[in-house]
């Protein structure tokens, strides 16, 4: 089984480790614009060999794990070069642009649009973790446009990784993910920015930051090179989510200014039901 991972970072590298543990006959090939990432992935045993685009014709599986703006450019070229039985799937955090970009491609049936909701704030090959996807949700879009045999191949892999499968149309995916993922990253970045600008003494931040602050700003450690293209592609939905979030923040500020602490209490108590949703 020849597997080509394009983009050897957290997600691509973690997928490679899982595939190696699941399929004894899998040979993992790597393609990455960053030569240091390839060397590091080889050294860590994440991939077995380097590859080039000319190797795509012989691949059974191609995983595209690159920033979403790069994915829009390279995915059509990848589909141009694959074999008839090659399964190609991406793992990007936006789905409508990528589905639209290859909608009329002659090899559209070889592609499956995926978004495994898993990850950490770290990036690069060293961030790869075996078992990262166990118990995580994998959202699949426009699965009906993928040939059935390749759907079966993908499902076999995802189930063996321990992922839960959810089906969603690309536009709905991008709308919902703006709230539950993209907005939380912006909140983390801006909270970190606010504290850094206000607290000039880094030692004070280190000494006084509790677990609540640390967990809230964890996502601010994420790669701007990955997240800027995501915000660009999903601008409309992200802006809508921000407007609602800012409205809630403004309302909370006004309650404090007007000493309406019963309402402050109610706001927090009503939001406590998130515990029932995220058990």
Protein backbone atom coordinates (compact mmCIF):
# COMPACT_ATOMS: atom_id res chain seq x y z
CA UNK A 1 0.00 0.00 0.00
CA UNK A 2 1.64 3.22 -1.18
CA UNK A 3 0.64 6.27 0.84
CA UNK A 4 1.78 9.79 -0.02
CA UNK A 5 1.48 12.47 2.65
CA UNK A 6 1.66 16.01 1.26
CA UNK A 7 2.47 18.28 4.18
CA UNK A 8 4.25 16.52 7.06
CA UNK A 9 2.99 18.48 10.05
CA UNK A 10 0.81 17.68 13.04
CA UNK A 11 -2.15 16.22 11.12
CA UNK A 12 -0.27 14.70 8.19
CA UNK A 13 2.40 13.24 10.46
CA UNK A 14 -0.13 11.86 12.94
CA UNK A 15 -2.07 10.27 10.08
CA UNK A 16 1.16 8.69 8.83
CA UNK A 17 1.89 7.17 12.25
CA UNK A 18 -1.62 5.73 12.51
CA UNK A 19 -1.56 4.32 8.99
CA UNK A 20 1.75 2.59 9.74
CA UNK A 21 0.28 0.97 12.83
CA UNK A 22 -2.91 -0.12 11.05
CA UNK A 23 -1.52 -1.48 7.80
CA UNK A 24 1.61 -3.66 7.93
CA UNK A 25 2.15 -3.33 4.18
CA UNK A 26 1.99 0.47 4.11
CA UNK A 27 4.94 2.44 2.76
CA UNK A 28 4.70 6.12 3.66
CA UNK A 29 6.10 8.66 1.21
CA UNK A 30 6.40 12.34 2.02
CA UNK A 31 6.19 15.55 0.02
CA UNK A 32 6.75 18.90 1.70
CA UNK A 33 7.85 22.33 0.50
CA UNK A 34 10.02 22.51 3.62
CA UNK A 35 13.03 20.25 3.12
CA UNK A 36 13.83 20.37 6.84
CA UNK A 37 10.39 18.92 7.58
CA UNK A 38 11.09 16.03 5.22
CA UNK A 39 14.45 15.30 6.81
CA UNK A 40 12.92 15.52 10.27
CA UNK A 41 10.04 13.22 9.30
CA UNK A 42 12.52 10.67 7.94
CA UNK A 43 14.62 10.88 11.09
CA UNK A 44 11.57 10.41 13.32
CA UNK A 45 10.33 7.45 11.26
CA UNK A 46 7.10 9.23 10.29
CA UNK A 47 7.76 8.65 6.59
CA UNK A 48 9.82 5.94 4.88
CA UNK A 49 10.90 7.82 1.79
CA UNK A 50 10.69 11.20 0.10
CA UNK A 51 8.51 11.47 -3.00
CA UNK A 52 7.79 13.79 -5.90
CA UNK A 53 4.68 14.56 -7.93
CA UNK A 54 5.71 11.92 -10.46
CA UNK A 55 5.09 9.26 -7.76
CA UNK A 56 1.40 10.18 -7.46
CA UNK A 57 0.46 7.81 -10.30
CA UNK A 58 1.49 4.84 -8.14
CA UNK A 59 -0.20 5.96 -4.92
CA UNK A 60 -3.09 4.06 -3.36
CA UNK A 61 -3.78 6.91 -0.98
CA UNK A 62 -2.84 10.60 -1.07
CA UNK A 63 -3.39 12.78 1.97
CA UNK A 64 -3.28 16.56 1.42
CA UNK A 65 -2.40 18.28 4.69
CA UNK A 66 -1.27 21.79 3.78
CA UNK A 67 -2.55 25.32 4.56
CA UNK A 68 -5.94 25.79 2.92
CA UNK A 69 -4.78 28.45 0.46
CA UNK A 70 -2.06 26.13 -0.83
CA UNK A 71 -4.56 23.28 -1.00
CA UNK A 72 -6.68 25.23 -3.47
CA UNK A 73 -3.69 25.54 -5.78
CA UNK A 74 -2.19 22.05 -5.58
CA UNK A 75 -5.23 19.80 -5.29
CA UNK A 76 -6.30 20.13 -8.97
CA UNK A 77 -2.70 19.39 -9.99
CA UNK A 78 -2.63 16.33 -7.73
CA UNK A 79 -5.86 15.03 -9.25
CA UNK A 80 -4.30 15.49 -12.70
CA UNK A 81 -1.48 13.05 -11.85
CA UNK A 82 -3.10 10.22 -9.86
CA UNK A 83 -4.05 6.71 -10.97
CA UNK A 84 -7.61 5.53 -11.56
CA UNK A 85 -7.86 3.78 -8.18
CA UNK A 86 -6.11 6.44 -6.08
CA UNK A 87 -8.01 7.89 -3.14
CA UNK A 88 -7.21 11.55 -2.40
CA UNK A 89 -8.49 13.35 0.68
CA UNK A 90 -7.69 16.63 2.36
CA UNK A 91 -7.97 17.63 6.01
CA UNK A 92 -8.53 21.38 5.72
CA UNK A 93 -10.60 23.46 8.13
CA UNK A 94 -12.62 25.06 5.31
CA UNK A 95 -14.56 22.87 2.92
CA UNK A 96 -16.67 24.95 0.51
CA UNK A 97 -13.72 26.59 -1.35
CA UNK A 98 -11.91 23.30 -1.91
CA UNK A 99 -15.06 21.47 -3.05
CA UNK A 100 -15.87 24.33 -5.42
CA UNK A 101 -12.32 24.38 -6.82
CA UNK A 102 -12.42 20.75 -8.02
CA UNK A 103 -16.16 20.45 -8.68
CA UNK A 104 -15.75 19.85 -12.42
CA UNK A 105 -12.40 18.06 -12.35
CA UNK A 106 -12.33 14.85 -14.40
CA UNK A 107 -11.06 12.95 -11.34
CA UNK A 108 -13.51 14.47 -8.85
CA UNK A 109 -14.74 10.96 -8.01
CA UNK A 110 -11.29 10.14 -6.56
CA UNK A 111 -11.49 12.92 -3.98
CA UNK A 112 -13.08 12.93 -0.53
CA UNK A 113 -13.40 16.22 1.38
CA UNK A 114 -12.60 15.63 5.06
CA UNK A 115 -12.07 17.60 8.23
CA UNK A 116 -10.86 15.55 11.20
CA UNK A 117 -11.46 17.75 14.21
CA UNK A 118 -8.32 16.94 16.09
CA UNK A 119 -5.09 18.70 16.81
CA UNK A 120 -3.01 20.65 19.24
CA UNK A 121 -1.45 24.09 19.26
CA UNK A 122 1.83 22.65 17.99
CA UNK A 123 3.02 22.24 14.39
CA UNK A 124 5.68 20.48 12.34
CA UNK A 125 6.72 16.81 12.25
CA UNK A 126 7.73 16.79 15.93
CA UNK A 127 4.11 17.55 16.82
CA UNK A 128 2.86 14.30 15.24
CA UNK A 129 1.15 11.98 17.72
CA UNK A 130 0.10 8.37 17.27
CA UNK A 131 -3.57 7.90 18.21
CA UNK A 132 -4.40 11.60 17.80
CA UNK A 133 -7.68 10.81 16.05
CA UNK A 134 -9.05 8.22 18.49
CA UNK A 135 -12.57 9.28 19.49
CA UNK A 136 -12.44 12.43 17.36
CA UNK A 137 -15.07 13.52 14.82
CA UNK A 138 -14.26 13.49 11.12
CA UNK A 139 -16.63 15.61 9.03
CA UNK A 140 -17.10 14.40 5.44
CA UNK A 141 -18.55 16.65 2.76
CA UNK A 142 -20.13 15.70 -0.58
CA UNK A 143 -19.32 12.04 0.02
CA UNK A 144 -21.80 11.09 -2.71
CA UNK A 145 -19.41 12.57 -5.29
CA UNK A 146 -16.69 10.06 -4.36
CA UNK A 147 -16.78 6.67 -6.08
CA UNK A 148 -18.16 4.00 -3.75
CA UNK A 149 -15.09 1.74 -3.68
CA UNK A 150 -12.92 4.68 -2.59
CA UNK A 151 -15.52 5.67 -0.01
CA UNK A 152 -15.18 2.16 1.43
CA UNK A 153 -11.39 2.46 1.50
CA UNK A 154 -11.61 5.76 3.37
CA UNK A 155 -14.20 4.50 5.86
CA UNK A 156 -12.08 1.46 6.64
CA UNK A 157 -9.15 3.72 7.49
CA UNK A 158 -11.18 6.22 9.51
CA UNK A 159 -12.92 3.53 11.57
CA UNK A 160 -9.63 1.78 12.31
CA UNK A 161 -8.27 5.13 13.50
CA UNK A 162 -11.22 5.29 15.90
CA UNK A 163 -12.86 8.36 14.38
CA UNK A 164 -16.56 9.19 14.51
CA UNK A 165 -18.02 10.10 11.12
CA UNK A 166 -20.34 13.05 10.53
CA UNK A 167 -21.75 14.07 7.14
CA UNK A 168 -22.34 17.71 6.29
CA UNK A 169 -22.61 19.92 3.23
CA UNK A 170 -19.60 22.25 2.71
CA UNK A 171 -21.42 25.52 3.37
CA UNK A 172 -22.95 24.25 6.62
CA UNK A 173 -19.57 22.94 7.70
CA UNK A 174 -17.91 26.33 7.18
CA UNK A 175 -20.70 28.14 9.03
CA UNK A 176 -20.64 25.87 12.09
CA UNK A 177 -16.85 25.56 12.27
CA UNK A 178 -16.57 29.37 12.32
CA UNK A 179 -18.27 29.31 15.73
CA UNK A 180 -16.78 26.24 17.37
CA UNK A 181 -13.22 26.47 16.04
CA UNK A 182 -12.32 29.63 14.14
CA UNK A 183 -13.87 32.01 16.69
CA UNK A 184 -12.15 30.26 19.59
CA UNK A 185 -8.76 30.71 17.91
CA UNK A 186 -9.39 34.42 17.35
CA UNK A 187 -10.50 34.79 20.98
CA UNK A 188 -7.32 33.09 22.16
CA UNK A 189 -5.07 35.22 19.95
CA UNK A 190 -6.73 38.46 21.03
CA UNK A 191 -6.74 37.58 24.73
CA UNK A 192 -3.04 36.86 24.47
CA UNK A 193 -2.52 40.15 22.62
CA UNK A 194 -4.45 42.11 25.27
CA UNK A 195 -2.42 40.66 28.14
CA UNK A 196 0.93 41.10 26.37
CA UNK A 197 0.15 44.75 25.61
CA UNK A 198 -1.09 45.52 29.12
CA UNK A 199 1.32 43.43 31.19
CA UNK A 200 4.74 44.61 30.05
CA UNK A 201 6.60 42.42 32.52
CA UNK A 202 6.71 38.89 31.10
CA UNK A 203 7.64 37.47 34.51
CA UNK A 204 4.41 38.88 35.95
CA UNK A 205 2.43 37.07 33.26
CA UNK A 206 4.28 33.84 33.98
CA UNK A 207 3.92 34.10 37.76
CA UNK A 208 0.28 35.19 37.89
CA UNK A 209 -1.22 33.23 35.01
CA UNK A 210 -3.49 30.51 36.37
CA UNK A 211 -4.69 27.39 34.64
CA UNK A 212 -7.74 29.26 33.30
CA UNK A 213 -5.61 31.81 31.46
CA UNK A 214 -3.19 29.15 30.26
CA UNK A 215 -5.94 26.95 28.83
CA UNK A 216 -7.72 29.90 27.22
CA UNK A 217 -4.64 31.23 25.42
CA UNK A 218 -3.33 27.77 24.46
CA UNK A 219 -4.60 28.23 20.92
CA UNK A 220 -2.66 31.49 20.59
CA UNK A 221 0.42 29.30 20.17
CA UNK A 222 -1.01 28.02 16.87
CA UNK A 223 0.64 28.75 13.52
CA UNK A 224 -0.40 32.10 11.94
CA UNK A 225 0.71 30.67 8.58
CA UNK A 226 -2.02 28.06 8.88
CA UNK A 227 -4.75 30.21 10.40
CA UNK A 228 -4.55 33.38 8.29
CA UNK A 229 -5.63 31.53 5.10
CA UNK A 230 -8.45 29.86 7.04
CA UNK A 231 -9.79 33.23 8.19
CA UNK A 232 -9.45 34.56 4.64
CA UNK A 233 -11.34 31.66 3.08
CA UNK A 234 -14.08 31.66 5.70
CA UNK A 235 -14.21 35.44 6.11
CA UNK A 236 -17.99 35.84 5.81
CA UNK A 237 -18.85 33.24 8.46
CA UNK A 238 -16.02 34.30 10.76
CA UNK A 239 -17.13 37.95 10.62
CA UNK A 240 -20.72 36.90 11.44
CA UNK A 241 -19.47 34.88 14.42
CA UNK A 242 -17.31 37.78 15.60
CA UNK A 243 -20.21 40.21 15.43
CA UNK A 244 -22.31 38.02 17.72
CA UNK A 245 -19.39 37.42 20.07
CA UNK A 246 -18.57 41.13 20.29
CA UNK A 247 -22.23 41.87 21.01
CA UNK A 248 -22.18 39.44 23.94
CA UNK A 249 -18.94 40.93 25.27
CA UNK A 250 -20.32 44.45 25.00
CA UNK A 251 -23.51 43.44 26.80
CA UNK A 252 -21.52 41.81 29.61
CA UNK A 253 -19.39 44.95 29.96
CA UNK A 254 -22.52 47.10 30.21
CA UNK A 255 -23.96 44.87 32.93
CA UNK A 256 -20.79 45.37 34.97
CA UNK A 257 -20.80 49.12 34.38
CA UNK A 258 -24.40 49.35 35.58
CA UNK A 259 -23.79 47.07 38.62
CA UNK A 260 -26.37 44.56 37.38
CA UNK A 261 -24.77 41.60 39.11
CA UNK A 262 -27.92 39.49 39.22
CA UNK A 263 -27.93 39.63 35.43
CA UNK A 264 -24.19 38.89 35.35
CA UNK A 265 -24.93 35.81 37.44
CA UNK A 266 -27.77 34.78 35.13
CA UNK A 267 -25.62 35.20 32.04
CA UNK A 268 -23.03 32.84 33.46
CA UNK A 269 -25.55 30.40 34.88
CA UNK A 270 -27.39 30.13 31.57
CA UNK A 271 -24.10 29.47 29.83
CA UNK A 272 -23.24 26.72 32.34
CA UNK A 273 -25.38 24.35 30.29
CA UNK A 274 -22.35 24.01 28.03
CA UNK A 275 -21.31 21.39 30.61
CA UNK A 276 -24.21 19.22 29.45
CA UNK A 277 -23.16 19.56 25.82
CA UNK A 278 -19.41 19.06 26.28
CA UNK A 279 -19.34 16.27 28.82
